[in-house]
Amino acid sequence: MDALLNAADSALRTLFVTPRASRACPTLPEHDHQPNLSDTDRQLSGSLMRVNHVGEVCAQALYTAQALAARWPRAGRPANEALARQLEAAGREETDHLAWTQARLEELGARPSLLNPLWYAGAFGIGLVAGRIGPGVSLGFVVETERQVEAHLAGHMERLPAGDDASRAIVAQMKDDEARHARDAQQAGATELPAPVRVLMRASAKVMTTVAHRI
């Protein structure tokens, strides 16, 4: 029951409460957070950061659901408290990302996705299924998700306007954190997901990023 209440609390905080980061935003003091961006460049940065913000909303849902599943005893198998704690630790770093991207959206005069509750619900369901299959698959899902996110962020590094150093610094730190989360999950015993599952994950992510870019 405590785990269920914590999961509900996490959902409400993610969707309706301004997140607080435990680490300072990686933008350097000398960076101009309000550079002389053209309207077109500002709109592009806002759209890209909205997509990144949606990714962090989904990350909160995924890690919360997978931690819940790890604490949910399966037939013949006890709760995996160690795995739950690992997932929650990664989730706390993702909360930093959520806070940074939300703050940057506000600086750019852009809004979060209007579909965030839908994205959260979908990601939570996927994370719960992955977590219930077993620890190896749950960790394998983390590895594949973080690898895809890392590649996605690398693409955004190239697409951000040249003058938007603040957004680029945030994305660079997020990219480093996602790569570390994938390595940690791999070392913890992740199982490689089948190729069709990886393809389906990429296709789902493509739909989400395309829609979130505008809505």
N, C-alpha and C. Protein backbone atom coordinates (compact mmCIF):
# COMPACT_ATOMS: atom_id res chain seq x y z
N MET A 1 0.82 -1.20 0.00
CA MET A 1 0.00 0.00 0.00
C MET A 1 0.86 1.26 0.00
N ASP A 2 1.95 1.25 0.81
CA ASP A 2 2.85 2.40 0.83
C ASP A 2 3.45 2.65 -0.55
N ALA A 3 3.84 1.57 -1.23
CA ALA A 3 4.42 1.72 -2.56
C ALA A 3 3.42 2.31 -3.54
N LEU A 4 2.16 1.89 -3.44
CA LEU A 4 1.12 2.43 -4.32
C LEU A 4 0.88 3.91 -4.06
N LEU A 5 0.86 4.29 -2.78
CA LEU A 5 0.67 5.69 -2.43
C LEU A 5 1.84 6.53 -2.91
N ASN A 6 3.05 5.99 -2.80
CA ASN A 6 4.23 6.72 -3.28
C ASN A 6 4.18 6.91 -4.79
N ALA A 7 3.69 5.88 -5.49
CA ALA A 7 3.57 5.99 -6.94
C ALA A 7 2.55 7.06 -7.33
N ALA A 8 1.43 7.10 -6.63
CA ALA A 8 0.42 8.12 -6.90
C ALA A 8 0.95 9.52 -6.59
N ASP A 9 1.69 9.63 -5.50
CA ASP A 9 2.29 10.92 -5.13
C ASP A 9 3.27 11.38 -6.19
N SER A 10 4.07 10.45 -6.72
CA SER A 10 5.03 10.79 -7.76
C SER A 10 4.33 11.31 -9.01
N ALA A 11 3.22 10.68 -9.37
CA ALA A 11 2.47 11.11 -10.56
C ALA A 11 1.94 12.53 -10.37
N LEU A 12 1.36 12.81 -9.23
CA LEU A 12 0.80 14.14 -8.97
C LEU A 12 1.89 15.20 -8.96
N ARG A 13 3.03 14.87 -8.35
CA ARG A 13 4.13 15.83 -8.29
C ARG A 13 4.69 16.11 -9.69
N THR A 14 4.82 15.06 -10.48
CA THR A 14 5.38 15.23 -11.82
C THR A 14 4.49 16.10 -12.69
N LEU A 15 3.18 15.89 -12.60
CA LEU A 15 2.25 16.54 -13.51
C LEU A 15 1.76 17.90 -13.03
N PHE A 16 1.72 18.11 -11.70
CA PHE A 16 1.04 19.31 -11.20
C PHE A 16 1.85 20.18 -10.24
N VAL A 17 3.07 19.77 -9.91
CA VAL A 17 3.89 20.54 -8.97
C VAL A 17 5.19 20.94 -9.67
N THR A 18 5.61 22.17 -9.45
CA THR A 18 6.88 22.61 -10.03
C THR A 18 8.02 21.80 -9.43
N PRO A 19 8.79 21.08 -10.26
CA PRO A 19 9.84 20.20 -9.71
C PRO A 19 11.02 21.01 -9.18
N ARG A 20 11.70 20.44 -8.19
CA ARG A 20 12.89 21.05 -7.62
C ARG A 20 14.08 20.15 -7.87
N ALA A 21 15.14 20.72 -8.41
CA ALA A 21 16.34 19.94 -8.71
C ALA A 21 17.23 19.87 -7.48
N SER A 22 17.89 18.73 -7.31
CA SER A 22 18.86 18.58 -6.23
C SER A 22 20.23 19.07 -6.64
N ARG A 23 20.45 19.23 -7.95
CA ARG A 23 21.71 19.75 -8.48
C ARG A 23 21.44 21.07 -9.19
N ALA A 24 22.48 21.91 -9.21
CA ALA A 24 22.35 23.19 -9.89
C ALA A 24 22.20 22.96 -11.39
N CYS A 25 21.44 23.81 -12.02
CA CYS A 25 21.28 23.73 -13.48
C CYS A 25 22.65 23.89 -14.13
N PRO A 26 22.99 23.06 -15.10
CA PRO A 26 24.35 23.08 -15.66
C PRO A 26 24.70 24.28 -16.52
N THR A 27 23.77 25.18 -16.75
CA THR A 27 24.11 26.37 -17.51
C THR A 27 25.15 27.17 -16.74
N LEU A 28 26.20 27.58 -17.42
CA LEU A 28 27.29 28.29 -16.77
C LEU A 28 26.90 29.73 -16.47
N PRO A 29 27.51 30.36 -15.44
CA PRO A 29 27.13 31.73 -15.08
C PRO A 29 27.27 32.71 -16.23
N GLU A 30 28.30 32.48 -17.09
CA GLU A 30 28.51 33.44 -18.17
C GLU A 30 27.57 33.24 -19.35
N HIS A 31 26.80 32.14 -19.32
CA HIS A 31 25.83 31.94 -20.39
C HIS A 31 24.69 32.94 -20.28
N ASP A 32 24.33 33.50 -21.40
CA ASP A 32 23.18 34.39 -21.45
C ASP A 32 21.93 33.53 -21.61
N HIS A 33 21.12 33.45 -20.55
CA HIS A 33 19.93 32.61 -20.61
C HIS A 33 18.89 33.20 -21.55
N GLN A 34 19.02 34.47 -21.87
CA GLN A 34 18.09 35.12 -22.79
C GLN A 34 18.89 35.72 -23.95
N PRO A 35 19.54 34.87 -24.76
CA PRO A 35 20.35 35.37 -25.86
C PRO A 35 19.49 36.06 -26.90
N ASN A 36 20.17 36.74 -27.79
CA ASN A 36 19.46 37.46 -28.83
C ASN A 36 19.05 36.49 -29.93
N LEU A 37 18.13 35.61 -29.56
CA LEU A 37 17.63 34.63 -30.52
C LEU A 37 16.53 35.26 -31.38
N SER A 38 16.51 34.90 -32.63
CA SER A 38 15.40 35.33 -33.47
C SER A 38 14.14 34.60 -33.02
N ASP A 39 13.01 35.10 -33.47
CA ASP A 39 11.75 34.44 -33.11
C ASP A 39 11.74 32.99 -33.59
N THR A 40 12.29 32.77 -34.78
CA THR A 40 12.32 31.42 -35.33
C THR A 40 13.20 30.51 -34.47
N ASP A 41 14.38 31.00 -34.08
CA ASP A 41 15.28 30.20 -33.25
C ASP A 41 14.70 29.95 -31.86
N ARG A 42 14.05 30.97 -31.31
CA ARG A 42 13.45 30.80 -29.99
C ARG A 42 12.33 29.76 -30.04
N GLN A 43 11.55 29.78 -31.12
CA GLN A 43 10.48 28.80 -31.27
C GLN A 43 11.06 27.39 -31.42
N LEU A 44 12.16 27.27 -32.17
CA LEU A 44 12.79 25.96 -32.34
C LEU A 44 13.33 25.44 -31.02
N SER A 45 14.02 26.30 -30.27
CA SER A 45 14.54 25.88 -28.97
C SER A 45 13.41 25.47 -28.04
N GLY A 46 12.34 26.22 -28.05
CA GLY A 46 11.20 25.89 -27.20
C GLY A 46 10.59 24.56 -27.56
N SER A 47 10.47 24.28 -28.86
CA SER A 47 9.89 23.01 -29.30
C SER A 47 10.78 21.84 -28.90
N LEU A 48 12.09 22.01 -29.08
CA LEU A 48 13.02 20.93 -28.73
C LEU A 48 13.04 20.69 -27.22
N MET A 49 13.01 21.76 -26.44
CA MET A 49 13.02 21.59 -24.99
C MET A 49 11.69 21.03 -24.49
N ARG A 50 10.59 21.32 -25.20
CA ARG A 50 9.30 20.70 -24.84
C ARG A 50 9.37 19.18 -25.04
N VAL A 51 9.98 18.76 -26.13
CA VAL A 51 10.16 17.32 -26.37
C VAL A 51 11.00 16.71 -25.26
N ASN A 52 12.09 17.40 -24.88
CA ASN A 52 12.95 16.89 -23.81
C ASN A 52 12.21 16.83 -22.48
N HIS A 53 11.37 17.81 -22.24
CA HIS A 53 10.58 17.83 -21.01
C HIS A 53 9.61 16.65 -20.99
N VAL A 54 8.98 16.36 -22.12
CA VAL A 54 8.09 15.20 -22.20
C VAL A 54 8.87 13.92 -21.90
N GLY A 55 10.10 13.84 -22.43
CA GLY A 55 10.93 12.68 -22.14
C GLY A 55 11.16 12.49 -20.66
N GLU A 56 11.32 13.60 -19.94
CA GLU A 56 11.55 13.51 -18.50
C GLU A 56 10.27 13.18 -17.74
N VAL A 57 9.14 13.64 -18.24
CA VAL A 57 7.85 13.22 -17.66
C VAL A 57 7.71 11.70 -17.79
N CYS A 58 8.05 11.18 -18.97
CA CYS A 58 7.97 9.73 -19.18
C CYS A 58 8.99 8.99 -18.32
N ALA A 59 10.17 9.59 -18.14
CA ALA A 59 11.19 8.94 -17.30
C ALA A 59 10.70 8.80 -15.86
N GLN A 60 10.02 9.83 -15.36
CA GLN A 60 9.47 9.74 -14.02
C GLN A 60 8.47 8.59 -13.92
N ALA A 61 7.62 8.47 -14.94
CA ALA A 61 6.62 7.40 -14.94
C ALA A 61 7.27 6.03 -15.04
N LEU A 62 8.25 5.90 -15.92
CA LEU A 62 8.90 4.61 -16.11
C LEU A 62 9.61 4.14 -14.85
N TYR A 63 10.43 5.01 -14.26
CA TYR A 63 11.18 4.60 -13.08
C TYR A 63 10.27 4.35 -11.89
N THR A 64 9.23 5.16 -11.76
CA THR A 64 8.28 4.94 -10.67
C THR A 64 7.58 3.61 -10.82
N ALA A 65 7.13 3.31 -12.04
CA ALA A 65 6.42 2.05 -12.28
C ALA A 65 7.34 0.85 -12.10
N GLN A 66 8.56 0.96 -12.58
CA GLN A 66 9.49 -0.17 -12.46
C GLN A 66 9.89 -0.41 -11.00
N ALA A 67 10.06 0.67 -10.24
CA ALA A 67 10.36 0.51 -8.82
C ALA A 67 9.18 -0.13 -8.09
N LEU A 68 7.97 0.28 -8.45
CA LEU A 68 6.77 -0.32 -7.86
C LEU A 68 6.72 -1.81 -8.17
N ALA A 69 7.00 -2.17 -9.41
CA ALA A 69 6.97 -3.58 -9.80
C ALA A 69 8.04 -4.38 -9.07
N ALA A 70 9.20 -3.76 -8.83
CA ALA A 70 10.28 -4.46 -8.12
C ALA A 70 9.89 -4.77 -6.68
N ARG A 71 9.05 -3.92 -6.10
CA ARG A 71 8.61 -4.14 -4.72
C ARG A 71 7.37 -5.01 -4.64
N TRP A 72 6.86 -5.46 -5.77
CA TRP A 72 5.63 -6.23 -5.84
C TRP A 72 6.02 -7.71 -5.97
N PRO A 73 5.90 -8.48 -4.91
CA PRO A 73 6.35 -9.88 -4.95
C PRO A 73 5.64 -10.65 -6.06
N ARG A 74 6.43 -11.47 -6.75
CA ARG A 74 5.88 -12.33 -7.78
C ARG A 74 5.78 -13.75 -7.24
N ALA A 75 5.08 -14.60 -7.95
CA ALA A 75 4.90 -15.98 -7.51
C ALA A 75 6.26 -16.65 -7.30
N GLY A 76 6.54 -17.00 -6.08
CA GLY A 76 7.79 -17.69 -5.78
C GLY A 76 9.00 -16.78 -5.68
N ARG A 77 8.83 -15.47 -5.87
CA ARG A 77 9.97 -14.55 -5.82
C ARG A 77 9.63 -13.39 -4.89
N PRO A 78 10.53 -13.06 -3.97
CA PRO A 78 10.28 -11.95 -3.05
C PRO A 78 10.47 -10.60 -3.74
N ALA A 79 10.09 -9.56 -3.06
CA ALA A 79 10.32 -8.21 -3.56
C ALA A 79 11.82 -7.97 -3.73
N ASN A 80 12.17 -7.18 -4.75
CA ASN A 80 13.58 -6.86 -5.03
C ASN A 80 13.85 -5.43 -4.59
N GLU A 81 14.14 -5.27 -3.31
CA GLU A 81 14.32 -3.94 -2.75
C GLU A 81 15.56 -3.25 -3.33
N ALA A 82 16.62 -4.00 -3.58
CA ALA A 82 17.84 -3.41 -4.12
C ALA A 82 17.59 -2.80 -5.50
N LEU A 83 16.86 -3.52 -6.34
CA LEU A 83 16.53 -2.99 -7.66
C LEU A 83 15.64 -1.76 -7.55
N ALA A 84 14.68 -1.80 -6.65
CA ALA A 84 13.79 -0.65 -6.47
C ALA A 84 14.59 0.59 -6.08
N ARG A 85 15.55 0.42 -5.19
CA ARG A 85 16.36 1.57 -4.77
C ARG A 85 17.21 2.10 -5.91
N GLN A 86 17.75 1.22 -6.74
CA GLN A 86 18.54 1.66 -7.88
C GLN A 86 17.68 2.47 -8.85
N LEU A 87 16.48 1.98 -9.12
CA LEU A 87 15.58 2.68 -10.03
C LEU A 87 15.17 4.03 -9.46
N GLU A 88 14.92 4.08 -8.17
CA GLU A 88 14.53 5.35 -7.55
C GLU A 88 15.67 6.35 -7.56
N ALA A 89 16.91 5.89 -7.40
CA ALA A 89 18.05 6.80 -7.44
C ALA A 89 18.19 7.42 -8.83
N ALA A 90 18.02 6.60 -9.86
CA ALA A 90 18.06 7.14 -11.22
C ALA A 90 16.90 8.10 -11.44
N GLY A 91 15.74 7.77 -10.88
CA GLY A 91 14.58 8.64 -11.02
C GLY A 91 14.80 10.01 -10.40
N ARG A 92 15.55 10.04 -9.30
CA ARG A 92 15.81 11.34 -8.66
C ARG A 92 16.68 12.22 -9.56
N GLU A 93 17.62 11.61 -10.27
CA GLU A 93 18.41 12.41 -11.21
C GLU A 93 17.54 12.87 -12.37
N GLU A 94 16.59 12.04 -12.77
CA GLU A 94 15.67 12.46 -13.83
C GLU A 94 14.79 13.61 -13.36
N THR A 95 14.55 13.70 -12.05
CA THR A 95 13.80 14.85 -11.53
C THR A 95 14.58 16.13 -11.76
N ASP A 96 15.90 16.08 -11.64
CA ASP A 96 16.72 17.24 -11.97
C ASP A 96 16.48 17.64 -13.42
N HIS A 97 16.51 16.68 -14.31
CA HIS A 97 16.28 16.96 -15.73
C HIS A 97 14.90 17.59 -15.94
N LEU A 98 13.92 17.06 -15.24
CA LEU A 98 12.56 17.60 -15.36
C LEU A 98 12.53 19.07 -14.95
N ALA A 99 13.20 19.37 -13.84
CA ALA A 99 13.23 20.75 -13.34
C ALA A 99 13.98 21.67 -14.30
N TRP A 100 15.11 21.21 -14.80
CA TRP A 100 15.92 22.03 -15.71
C TRP A 100 15.16 22.34 -17.00
N THR A 101 14.54 21.31 -17.59
CA THR A 101 13.84 21.53 -18.86
C THR A 101 12.61 22.40 -18.66
N GLN A 102 11.93 22.25 -17.54
CA GLN A 102 10.75 23.09 -17.28
C GLN A 102 11.17 24.55 -17.10
N ALA A 103 12.25 24.77 -16.37
CA ALA A 103 12.73 26.14 -16.17
C ALA A 103 13.16 26.76 -17.50
N ARG A 104 13.81 25.96 -18.33
CA ARG A 104 14.25 26.48 -19.62
C ARG A 104 13.06 26.81 -20.52
N LEU A 105 12.03 25.99 -20.48
CA LEU A 105 10.82 26.29 -21.24
C LEU A 105 10.27 27.66 -20.85
N GLU A 106 10.24 27.92 -19.54
CA GLU A 106 9.72 29.20 -19.06
C GLU A 106 10.59 30.35 -19.55
N GLU A 107 11.91 30.16 -19.53
CA GLU A 107 12.81 31.22 -20.00
C GLU A 107 12.61 31.50 -21.48
N LEU A 108 12.27 30.48 -22.23
CA LEU A 108 12.08 30.65 -23.67
C LEU A 108 10.67 31.09 -24.02
N GLY A 109 9.81 31.20 -23.01
CA GLY A 109 8.44 31.59 -23.26
C GLY A 109 7.63 30.49 -23.94
N ALA A 110 8.04 29.24 -23.71
CA ALA A 110 7.34 28.09 -24.31
C ALA A 110 6.57 27.34 -23.22
N ARG A 111 5.67 26.50 -23.63
CA ARG A 111 4.84 25.76 -22.68
C ARG A 111 5.17 24.27 -22.75
N PRO A 112 4.88 23.55 -21.67
CA PRO A 112 5.01 22.08 -21.72
C PRO A 112 3.96 21.49 -22.66
N SER A 113 4.11 20.23 -22.95
CA SER A 113 3.13 19.53 -23.79
C SER A 113 1.78 19.49 -23.09
N LEU A 114 0.74 19.72 -23.86
CA LEU A 114 -0.62 19.64 -23.31
C LEU A 114 -1.02 18.20 -23.03
N LEU A 115 -0.26 17.25 -23.56
CA LEU A 115 -0.60 15.83 -23.43
C LEU A 115 0.21 15.13 -22.35
N ASN A 116 0.83 15.88 -21.46
CA ASN A 116 1.69 15.25 -20.45
C ASN A 116 0.98 14.16 -19.62
N PRO A 117 -0.27 14.37 -19.21
CA PRO A 117 -0.94 13.27 -18.47
C PRO A 117 -1.03 11.99 -19.29
N LEU A 118 -1.28 12.12 -20.59
CA LEU A 118 -1.35 10.95 -21.46
C LEU A 118 0.02 10.28 -21.59
N TRP A 119 1.06 11.10 -21.78
CA TRP A 119 2.41 10.54 -21.88
C TRP A 119 2.77 9.81 -20.59
N TYR A 120 2.44 10.40 -19.46
CA TYR A 120 2.78 9.79 -18.17
C TYR A 120 2.06 8.44 -18.02
N ALA A 121 0.77 8.43 -18.31
CA ALA A 121 -0.01 7.20 -18.13
C ALA A 121 0.51 6.09 -19.03
N GLY A 122 0.82 6.41 -20.27
CA GLY A 122 1.33 5.40 -21.19
C GLY A 122 2.68 4.85 -20.74
N ALA A 123 3.58 5.75 -20.33
CA ALA A 123 4.91 5.32 -19.88
C ALA A 123 4.82 4.50 -18.61
N PHE A 124 3.92 4.89 -17.71
CA PHE A 124 3.75 4.14 -16.46
C PHE A 124 3.31 2.70 -16.76
N GLY A 125 2.36 2.56 -17.66
CA GLY A 125 1.89 1.23 -18.01
C GLY A 125 2.99 0.37 -18.61
N ILE A 126 3.78 0.96 -19.50
CA ILE A 126 4.89 0.22 -20.13
C ILE A 126 5.92 -0.18 -19.07
N GLY A 127 6.25 0.75 -18.18
CA GLY A 127 7.22 0.46 -17.14
C GLY A 127 6.75 -0.63 -16.20
N LEU A 128 5.46 -0.63 -15.90
CA LEU A 128 4.91 -1.65 -14.99
C LEU A 128 4.98 -3.03 -15.63
N VAL A 129 4.67 -3.11 -16.91
CA VAL A 129 4.75 -4.39 -17.60
C VAL A 129 6.19 -4.89 -17.64
N ALA A 130 7.12 -4.01 -18.00
CA ALA A 130 8.53 -4.40 -18.06
C ALA A 130 9.02 -4.86 -16.70
N GLY A 131 8.62 -4.15 -15.66
CA GLY A 131 9.06 -4.49 -14.32
C GLY A 131 8.50 -5.81 -13.83
N ARG A 132 7.29 -6.14 -14.24
CA ARG A 132 6.66 -7.37 -13.78
C ARG A 132 7.23 -8.60 -14.47
N ILE A 133 7.80 -8.43 -15.64
CA ILE A 133 8.37 -9.58 -16.34
C ILE A 133 9.55 -10.14 -15.57
N GLY A 134 10.34 -9.24 -14.98
CA GLY A 134 11.48 -9.71 -14.19
C GLY A 134 12.60 -8.69 -14.15
N PRO A 135 13.52 -8.81 -13.20
CA PRO A 135 14.60 -7.83 -13.03
C PRO A 135 15.47 -7.65 -14.27
N GLY A 136 15.85 -8.77 -14.92
CA GLY A 136 16.71 -8.67 -16.10
C GLY A 136 16.06 -7.87 -17.21
N VAL A 137 14.81 -8.16 -17.46
CA VAL A 137 14.08 -7.44 -18.52
C VAL A 137 13.86 -5.99 -18.11
N SER A 138 13.54 -5.75 -16.85
CA SER A 138 13.33 -4.38 -16.38
C SER A 138 14.59 -3.55 -16.58
N LEU A 139 15.74 -4.11 -16.20
CA LEU A 139 17.00 -3.41 -16.39
C LEU A 139 17.36 -3.30 -17.88
N GLY A 140 17.03 -4.33 -18.66
CA GLY A 140 17.26 -4.25 -20.09
C GLY A 140 16.44 -3.15 -20.73
N PHE A 141 15.23 -2.96 -20.23
CA PHE A 141 14.38 -1.87 -20.72
C PHE A 141 15.02 -0.52 -20.40
N VAL A 142 15.61 -0.40 -19.20
CA VAL A 142 16.31 0.83 -18.84
C VAL A 142 17.47 1.08 -19.80
N VAL A 143 18.26 0.05 -20.06
CA VAL A 143 19.41 0.19 -20.95
C VAL A 143 18.98 0.69 -22.33
N GLU A 144 18.00 0.03 -22.92
CA GLU A 144 17.57 0.40 -24.26
C GLU A 144 16.93 1.78 -24.28
N THR A 145 16.11 2.08 -23.27
CA THR A 145 15.49 3.40 -23.21
C THR A 145 16.54 4.50 -23.12
N GLU A 146 17.51 4.31 -22.23
CA GLU A 146 18.52 5.35 -22.04
C GLU A 146 19.42 5.49 -23.26
N ARG A 147 19.71 4.40 -23.93
CA ARG A 147 20.52 4.50 -25.15
C ARG A 147 19.78 5.28 -26.23
N GLN A 148 18.49 5.02 -26.35
CA GLN A 148 17.71 5.76 -27.35
C GLN A 148 17.60 7.23 -26.98
N VAL A 149 17.43 7.51 -25.68
CA VAL A 149 17.35 8.91 -25.24
C VAL A 149 18.68 9.61 -25.47
N GLU A 150 19.78 8.93 -25.19
CA GLU A 150 21.11 9.52 -25.42
C GLU A 150 21.28 9.90 -26.88
N ALA A 151 20.89 9.01 -27.79
CA ALA A 151 20.99 9.31 -29.22
C ALA A 151 20.07 10.47 -29.61
N HIS A 152 18.90 10.48 -29.02
CA HIS A 152 17.93 11.56 -29.27
C HIS A 152 18.50 12.91 -28.83
N LEU A 153 19.13 12.95 -27.66
CA LEU A 153 19.69 14.19 -27.15
C LEU A 153 20.89 14.64 -27.98
N ALA A 154 21.67 13.69 -28.49
CA ALA A 154 22.78 14.03 -29.37
C ALA A 154 22.26 14.74 -30.62
N GLY A 155 21.12 14.27 -31.13
CA GLY A 155 20.51 14.94 -32.27
C GLY A 155 20.06 16.35 -31.94
N HIS A 156 19.54 16.55 -30.73
CA HIS A 156 19.11 17.88 -30.33
C HIS A 156 20.31 18.82 -30.16
N MET A 157 21.45 18.29 -29.75
CA MET A 157 22.65 19.12 -29.63
C MET A 157 23.00 19.75 -30.99
N GLU A 158 22.75 19.01 -32.04
CA GLU A 158 23.05 19.51 -33.38
C GLU A 158 21.96 20.45 -33.89
N ARG A 159 20.72 20.24 -33.44
CA ARG A 159 19.60 21.02 -33.97
C ARG A 159 19.36 22.33 -33.24
N LEU A 160 19.82 22.44 -31.99
CA LEU A 160 19.60 23.68 -31.25
C LEU A 160 20.29 24.85 -31.94
N PRO A 161 19.67 26.04 -31.93
CA PRO A 161 20.30 27.21 -32.55
C PRO A 161 21.70 27.46 -31.99
N ALA A 162 22.58 27.95 -32.82
CA ALA A 162 23.98 28.14 -32.44
C ALA A 162 24.13 29.04 -31.22
N GLY A 163 23.26 30.01 -31.05
CA GLY A 163 23.39 30.95 -29.94
C GLY A 163 22.76 30.50 -28.64
N ASP A 164 22.10 29.35 -28.63
CA ASP A 164 21.38 28.91 -27.42
C ASP A 164 22.29 28.02 -26.57
N ASP A 165 23.29 28.65 -25.94
CA ASP A 165 24.23 27.90 -25.11
C ASP A 165 23.56 27.34 -23.85
N ALA A 166 22.58 28.03 -23.33
CA ALA A 166 21.92 27.58 -22.10
C ALA A 166 21.22 26.24 -22.32
N SER A 167 20.43 26.15 -23.38
CA SER A 167 19.74 24.89 -23.67
C SER A 167 20.75 23.79 -23.98
N ARG A 168 21.80 24.14 -24.71
CA ARG A 168 22.79 23.13 -25.09
C ARG A 168 23.50 22.57 -23.85
N ALA A 169 23.79 23.41 -22.86
CA ALA A 169 24.45 22.94 -21.64
C ALA A 169 23.56 21.97 -20.87
N ILE A 170 22.27 22.26 -20.82
CA ILE A 170 21.33 21.37 -20.14
C ILE A 170 21.27 20.02 -20.84
N VAL A 171 21.14 20.05 -22.16
CA VAL A 171 21.04 18.82 -22.93
C VAL A 171 22.31 17.98 -22.80
N ALA A 172 23.47 18.63 -22.78
CA ALA A 172 24.73 17.91 -22.66
C ALA A 172 24.81 17.17 -21.34
N GLN A 173 24.40 17.81 -20.24
CA GLN A 173 24.44 17.14 -18.95
C GLN A 173 23.43 16.00 -18.89
N MET A 174 22.26 16.22 -19.45
CA MET A 174 21.26 15.15 -19.50
C MET A 174 21.80 13.95 -20.26
N LYS A 175 22.45 14.21 -21.38
CA LYS A 175 23.01 13.14 -22.20
C LYS A 175 24.02 12.31 -21.40
N ASP A 176 24.89 12.98 -20.66
CA ASP A 176 25.88 12.27 -19.84
C ASP A 176 25.19 11.42 -18.77
N ASP A 177 24.17 11.97 -18.13
CA ASP A 177 23.46 11.22 -17.08
C ASP A 177 22.77 9.99 -17.65
N GLU A 178 22.14 10.13 -18.82
CA GLU A 178 21.43 8.99 -19.41
C GLU A 178 22.40 7.87 -19.76
N ALA A 179 23.57 8.23 -20.27
CA ALA A 179 24.57 7.22 -20.60
C ALA A 179 25.01 6.47 -19.35
N ARG A 180 25.15 7.19 -18.24
CA ARG A 180 25.56 6.55 -16.99
C ARG A 180 24.46 5.63 -16.47
N HIS A 181 23.21 6.05 -16.58
CA HIS A 181 22.10 5.19 -16.15
C HIS A 181 22.09 3.88 -16.94
N ALA A 182 22.36 3.97 -18.24
CA ALA A 182 22.41 2.76 -19.06
C ALA A 182 23.55 1.85 -18.61
N ARG A 183 24.72 2.42 -18.34
CA ARG A 183 25.85 1.60 -17.88
C ARG A 183 25.56 0.95 -16.54
N ASP A 184 24.94 1.70 -15.63
CA ASP A 184 24.62 1.14 -14.31
C ASP A 184 23.65 -0.03 -14.44
N ALA A 185 22.65 0.12 -15.30
CA ALA A 185 21.68 -0.96 -15.48
C ALA A 185 22.33 -2.18 -16.13
N GLN A 186 23.23 -1.93 -17.07
CA GLN A 186 23.94 -3.03 -17.72
C GLN A 186 24.76 -3.81 -16.70
N GLN A 187 25.46 -3.10 -15.85
CA GLN A 187 26.31 -3.75 -14.84
C GLN A 187 25.48 -4.47 -13.79
N ALA A 188 24.24 -4.06 -13.60
CA ALA A 188 23.37 -4.68 -12.59
C ALA A 188 22.72 -5.96 -13.08
N GLY A 189 22.95 -6.32 -14.35
CA GLY A 189 22.42 -7.59 -14.83
C GLY A 189 21.31 -7.47 -15.86
N ALA A 190 21.36 -6.42 -16.68
CA ALA A 190 20.32 -6.24 -17.69
C ALA A 190 20.35 -7.35 -18.74
N THR A 191 19.17 -7.71 -19.19
CA THR A 191 19.02 -8.66 -20.29
C THR A 191 18.78 -7.87 -21.58
N GLU A 192 19.48 -8.22 -22.64
CA GLU A 192 19.27 -7.51 -23.91
C GLU A 192 17.89 -7.82 -24.46
N LEU A 193 17.18 -6.78 -24.84
CA LEU A 193 15.82 -6.97 -25.35
C LEU A 193 15.86 -7.48 -26.78
N PRO A 194 14.87 -8.25 -27.19
CA PRO A 194 14.81 -8.74 -28.58
C PRO A 194 14.73 -7.57 -29.57
N ALA A 195 15.25 -7.78 -30.76
CA ALA A 195 15.27 -6.73 -31.77
C ALA A 195 13.88 -6.16 -32.08
N PRO A 196 12.83 -6.98 -32.21
CA PRO A 196 11.51 -6.41 -32.48
C PRO A 196 11.04 -5.45 -31.38
N VAL A 197 11.38 -5.76 -30.14
CA VAL A 197 10.99 -4.88 -29.03
C VAL A 197 11.73 -3.55 -29.14
N ARG A 198 13.00 -3.59 -29.47
CA ARG A 198 13.78 -2.36 -29.61
C ARG A 198 13.23 -1.50 -30.74
N VAL A 199 12.85 -2.15 -31.84
CA VAL A 199 12.27 -1.41 -32.97
C VAL A 199 10.95 -0.78 -32.57
N LEU A 200 10.12 -1.50 -31.85
CA LEU A 200 8.83 -0.97 -31.40
C LEU A 200 9.04 0.21 -30.46
N MET A 201 10.05 0.13 -29.59
CA MET A 201 10.34 1.24 -28.68
C MET A 201 10.75 2.49 -29.46
N ARG A 202 11.58 2.31 -30.49
CA ARG A 202 11.99 3.45 -31.30
C ARG A 202 10.80 4.07 -32.04
N ALA A 203 9.92 3.21 -32.55
CA ALA A 203 8.74 3.71 -33.26
C ALA A 203 7.83 4.49 -32.32
N SER A 204 7.63 3.98 -31.12
CA SER A 204 6.78 4.67 -30.14
C SER A 204 7.39 6.01 -29.76
N ALA A 205 8.71 6.03 -29.57
CA ALA A 205 9.39 7.28 -29.21
C ALA A 205 9.27 8.30 -30.34
N LYS A 206 9.31 7.83 -31.59
CA LYS A 206 9.19 8.73 -32.74
C LYS A 206 7.82 9.40 -32.75
N VAL A 207 6.79 8.63 -32.47
CA VAL A 207 5.44 9.19 -32.42
C VAL A 207 5.36 10.25 -31.32
N MET A 208 5.89 9.94 -30.15
CA MET A 208 5.82 10.86 -29.03
C MET A 208 6.56 12.16 -29.33
N THR A 209 7.79 12.05 -29.85
CA THR A 209 8.57 13.26 -30.09
C THR A 209 7.96 14.11 -31.20
N THR A 210 7.38 13.46 -32.21
CA THR A 210 6.77 14.22 -33.30
C THR A 210 5.56 15.01 -32.81
N VAL A 211 4.72 14.36 -32.01
CA VAL A 211 3.53 15.03 -31.49
C VAL A 211 3.92 16.11 -30.48
N ALA A 212 4.83 15.78 -29.56
CA ALA A 212 5.20 16.71 -28.51
C ALA A 212 5.90 17.95 -29.06
N HIS A 213 6.53 17.83 -30.21
CA HIS A 213 7.20 18.99 -30.82
C HIS A 213 6.21 20.14 -31.04
N ARG A 214 4.94 19.80 -31.24
CA ARG A 214 3.93 20.81 -31.56
C ARG A 214 2.86 20.95 -30.48
N ILE A 215 2.53 19.87 -29.80
CA ILE A 215 1.38 19.91 -28.88
C ILE A 215 1.87 19.73 -27.44
